[in-house]
Each structure stands twice: as C-alpha cells, then as structure tokens.
C-alpha atoms as a PDB file:
ATOM      1  CA  ASN A   1      -2.039  45.791   9.089  1.00  0.00           C
ATOM      2  CA  GLN A   2      -5.465  45.802   7.197  1.00  0.00           C
ATOM      3  CA  ILE A   3      -4.817  43.564   4.775  1.00  0.00           C
ATOM      4  CA  ALA A   4      -2.973  40.905   7.501  1.00  0.00           C
ATOM      5  CA  LEU A   5      -6.555  41.339   9.780  1.00  0.00           C
ATOM      6  CA  ASP A   6      -8.670  40.464   6.898  1.00  0.00           C
ATOM      7  CA  ASN A   7      -6.560  37.660   5.538  1.00  0.00           C
ATOM      8  CA  ILE A   8      -7.317  36.253   8.468  1.00  0.00           C
ATOM      9  CA  ALA A   9     -10.662  36.396   8.780  1.00  0.00           C
ATOM     10  CA  HIS A  10     -10.723  34.872   4.863  1.00  0.00           C
ATOM     11  CA  PHE A  11      -8.558  31.830   6.484  1.00  0.00           C
ATOM     12  CA  GLU A  12     -10.687  31.761   9.373  1.00  0.00           C
ATOM     13  CA  ASN A  13     -13.656  30.586   7.192  1.00  0.00           C
ATOM     14  CA  PHE A  14     -11.747  28.552   4.797  1.00  0.00           C
ATOM     15  CA  ILE A  15     -10.814  26.363   7.915  1.00  0.00           C
ATOM     16  CA  GLU A  16     -14.693  26.421   8.873  1.00  0.00           C
ATOM     17  CA  LYS A  17     -15.786  25.089   5.700  1.00  0.00           C
ATOM     18  CA  ASN A  18     -12.396  22.690   5.350  1.00  0.00           C
ATOM     19  CA  GLU A  19     -12.476  22.006   9.306  1.00  0.00           C
ATOM     20  CA  ARG A  20     -11.917  18.221   9.265  1.00  0.00           C
ATOM     21  CA  LYS A  21      -9.348  19.070   6.253  1.00  0.00           C
ATOM     22  CA  PHE A  22      -6.760  21.779   7.746  1.00  0.00           C
ATOM     23  CA  SER A  23      -6.424  23.324  11.191  1.00  0.00           C
ATOM     24  CA  TRP A  24      -4.477  25.826  12.142  1.00  0.00           C
ATOM     25  CA  LYS A  25      -4.071  28.993  14.894  1.00  0.00           C
ATOM     26  CA  PRO A  26      -4.129  32.322  13.432  1.00  0.00           C
ATOM     27  CA  PRO A  27      -0.943  33.616  14.324  1.00  0.00           C
ATOM     28  CA  LYS A  28      -1.062  36.301  17.622  1.00  0.00           C
ATOM     29  CA  ALA A  29       1.977  38.376  15.641  1.00  0.00           C
ATOM     30  CA  GLY A  30       3.452  38.947  12.263  1.00  0.00           C
ATOM     31  CA  LEU A  31       2.183  37.650   9.418  1.00  0.00           C
ATOM     32  CA  LEU A  32       3.074  33.960   8.893  1.00  0.00           C
ATOM     33  CA  ALA A  33       0.831  30.801  10.153  1.00  0.00           C
ATOM     34  CA  ILE A  34       1.389  27.303  10.341  1.00  0.00           C
ATOM     35  CA  VAL A  35      -1.725  25.098   8.738  1.00  0.00           C
ATOM     36  CA  HIS A  36      -1.775  21.695   9.733  1.00  0.00           C
ATOM     37  CA  SER A  37      -3.234  19.047   6.879  1.00  0.00           C
ATOM     38  CA  HIS A  38      -4.772  16.137   8.085  1.00  0.00           C
ATOM     39  CA  LEU A  39      -5.620  14.623   3.928  1.00  0.00           C
ATOM     40  CA  GLU A  40      -4.080  10.901   3.832  1.00  0.00           C
ATOM     41  CA  GLN A  41      -2.605  12.223   0.943  1.00  0.00           C
ATOM     42  CA  PRO A  42       1.475  14.104   1.471  1.00  0.00           C
ATOM     43  CA  ILE A  43       1.081  17.641   1.267  1.00  0.00           C
ATOM     44  CA  LEU A  44       4.404  17.621  -1.322  1.00  0.00           C
ATOM     45  CA  GLN A  45       2.255  15.205  -3.211  1.00  0.00           C
ATOM     46  CA  TRP A  46      -0.939  17.409  -3.790  1.00  0.00           C
ATOM     47  CA  SER A  47       1.006  20.831  -3.641  1.00  0.00           C
ATOM     48  CA  LYS A  48       2.687  20.663  -6.971  1.00  0.00           C
ATOM     49  CA  THR A  49      -0.512  19.385  -8.557  1.00  0.00           C
ATOM     50  CA  LEU A  50      -2.543  22.470  -7.375  1.00  0.00           C
ATOM     51  CA  ALA A  51       0.425  25.024  -8.120  1.00  0.00           C
ATOM     52  CA  GLU A  52       0.313  23.503 -11.702  1.00  0.00           C
ATOM     53  CA  GLU A  53      -3.215  23.891 -11.743  1.00  0.00           C
ATOM     54  CA  GLU A  54      -4.060  26.543 -10.383  1.00  0.00           C
ATOM     55  CA  GLY A  55      -0.840  28.995  -9.819  1.00  0.00           C
ATOM     56  CA  VAL A  56      -1.129  28.509  -5.869  1.00  0.00           C
ATOM     57  CA  LEU A  57       1.943  27.629  -4.204  1.00  0.00           C
ATOM     58  CA  LEU A  58       2.103  26.293  -0.850  1.00  0.00           C
ATOM     59  CA  LEU A  59       5.500  25.999   0.976  1.00  0.00           C
ATOM     60  CA  PRO A  60       5.046  22.860   2.957  1.00  0.00           C
ATOM     61  CA  THR A  61       6.649  22.654   6.121  1.00  0.00           C
ATOM     62  CA  GLU A  62       9.345  19.921   5.070  1.00  0.00           C
ATOM     63  CA  LEU A  63      10.833  22.418   3.213  1.00  0.00           C
ATOM     64  CA  PHE A  64      12.083  24.184   6.217  1.00  0.00           C
ATOM     65  CA  GLY A  65      13.210  21.261   8.435  1.00  0.00           C
ATOM     66  CA  LEU A  66      10.221  20.655  10.206  1.00  0.00           C
ATOM     67  CA  LYS A  67       8.639  17.296  10.192  1.00  0.00           C
ATOM     68  CA  ALA A  68       5.126  18.195  10.229  1.00  0.00           C
ATOM     69  CA  GLU A  69       2.262  17.430   7.391  1.00  0.00           C
ATOM     70  CA  ALA A  70       1.597  20.954   6.740  1.00  0.00           C
ATOM     71  CA  PHE A  71       2.302  23.768   5.270  1.00  0.00           C
ATOM     72  CA  ARG A  72       3.540  27.837   5.998  1.00  0.00           C
ATOM     73  CA  LEU A  73       0.445  30.073   4.891  1.00  0.00           C
ATOM     74  CA  GLY A  74       1.239  33.825   4.071  1.00  0.00           C
ATOM     75  CA  LEU A  75      -1.067  36.377   5.320  1.00  0.00           C
ATOM     76  CA  GLY A  76       0.187  39.707   3.964  1.00  0.00           C
ATOM     77  CA  GLN A  77      -0.862  40.224   0.256  1.00  0.00           C
ATOM     78  CA  LYS A  78      -3.324  41.782  -1.337  1.00  0.00           C
ATOM     79  CA  ASP A  79      -4.046  39.216  -3.925  1.00  0.00           C
ATOM     80  CA  PHE A  80      -5.016  36.014  -0.326  1.00  0.00           C
ATOM     81  CA  PRO A  81      -8.196  35.668  -1.273  1.00  0.00           C
ATOM     82  CA  LEU A  82      -7.639  35.026  -4.892  1.00  0.00           C
ATOM     83  CA  ALA A  83      -5.167  32.016  -4.264  1.00  0.00           C
ATOM     84  CA  LEU A  84      -7.701  30.994  -1.186  1.00  0.00           C
ATOM     85  CA  ALA A  85     -10.294  30.646  -3.401  1.00  0.00           C
ATOM     86  CA  GLY A  86      -8.015  28.483  -5.929  1.00  0.00           C
ATOM     87  CA  LEU A  87      -6.767  26.303  -2.814  1.00  0.00           C
ATOM     88  CA  GLN A  88     -11.154  26.163  -2.529  1.00  0.00           C
ATOM     89  CA  GLN A  89     -11.602  25.184  -6.419  1.00  0.00           C
ATOM     90  CA  PHE A  90      -8.302  22.303  -6.002  1.00  0.00           C
ATOM     91  CA  ILE A  91      -9.953  21.353  -2.749  1.00  0.00           C
ATOM     92  CA  ASP A  92     -13.764  20.946  -4.085  1.00  0.00           C
ATOM     93  CA  ARG A  93     -12.705  19.533  -7.511  1.00  0.00           C
ATOM     94  CA  TYR A  94     -10.759  16.307  -6.231  1.00  0.00           C
ATOM     95  CA  ASN A  95     -12.683  16.192  -3.258  1.00  0.00           C
ATOM     96  CA  CYS A  96      -9.169  17.178  -2.087  1.00  0.00           C
ATOM     97  CA  CYS A  97      -6.258  15.447  -3.689  1.00  0.00           C
ATOM     98  CA  PRO A  98      -5.482  14.277  -7.110  1.00  0.00           C
ATOM     99  CA  ASN A  99      -5.606  10.284  -6.475  1.00  0.00           C
ATOM    100  CA  GLU A 100      -7.070  10.217  -3.328  1.00  0.00           C
ATOM    101  CA  SER A 101      -9.714   7.048  -2.646  1.00  0.00           C
END
C-alpha cells in the first residue's frame, strides 16, 4: 500500500536525523514495526508528556509484555507525517525528553 511505503520513507528520514536516539528495522511485510529508544529517560516517562503536549500516542512495548526500551509503530495512517512532525518537535524542544540531563 502506498501510504505505508510513503510512511516508511518518512520514518527512515526521521531515523537519519535522530540516529543516536532511535533505531529500527523497517517491516518486510505488514504495517507494524518496533522502534528502539536509546534515550536515557524510559519511554514510559516521556511518552505521557508527548501525548499531552503533541497529541502523539506512542505505545511502549512494555505494554505488550516486551521488556525493551522500544515502542510499536503503526505505518498505515494517512496522518502519519503529522504525528511524526509532533514527535520531532517534542524531541527538538527538550533535546529529547523533559528533565533529561
């Protein structure tokens, strides 16, 4: 599906810009991927602030029983670029995370 292919390209650009903060492997099939966070602050802490401030909901993999600093990424939404822009604004605003030293 073209939406997913476009969103994969958008996210690859995001990863290039933030390669020290996040890593992933694009899906070979399907619309879901796991994105690993390399930030000092746990995702469970900063994802709540991200949702409140930017309206971007990330689902930490811990919610699915996976013990990793990672989140599930859905690539099938038309508004994906808008959500990705919100994530980038958040990262830029806090140099990633609120209260991260």
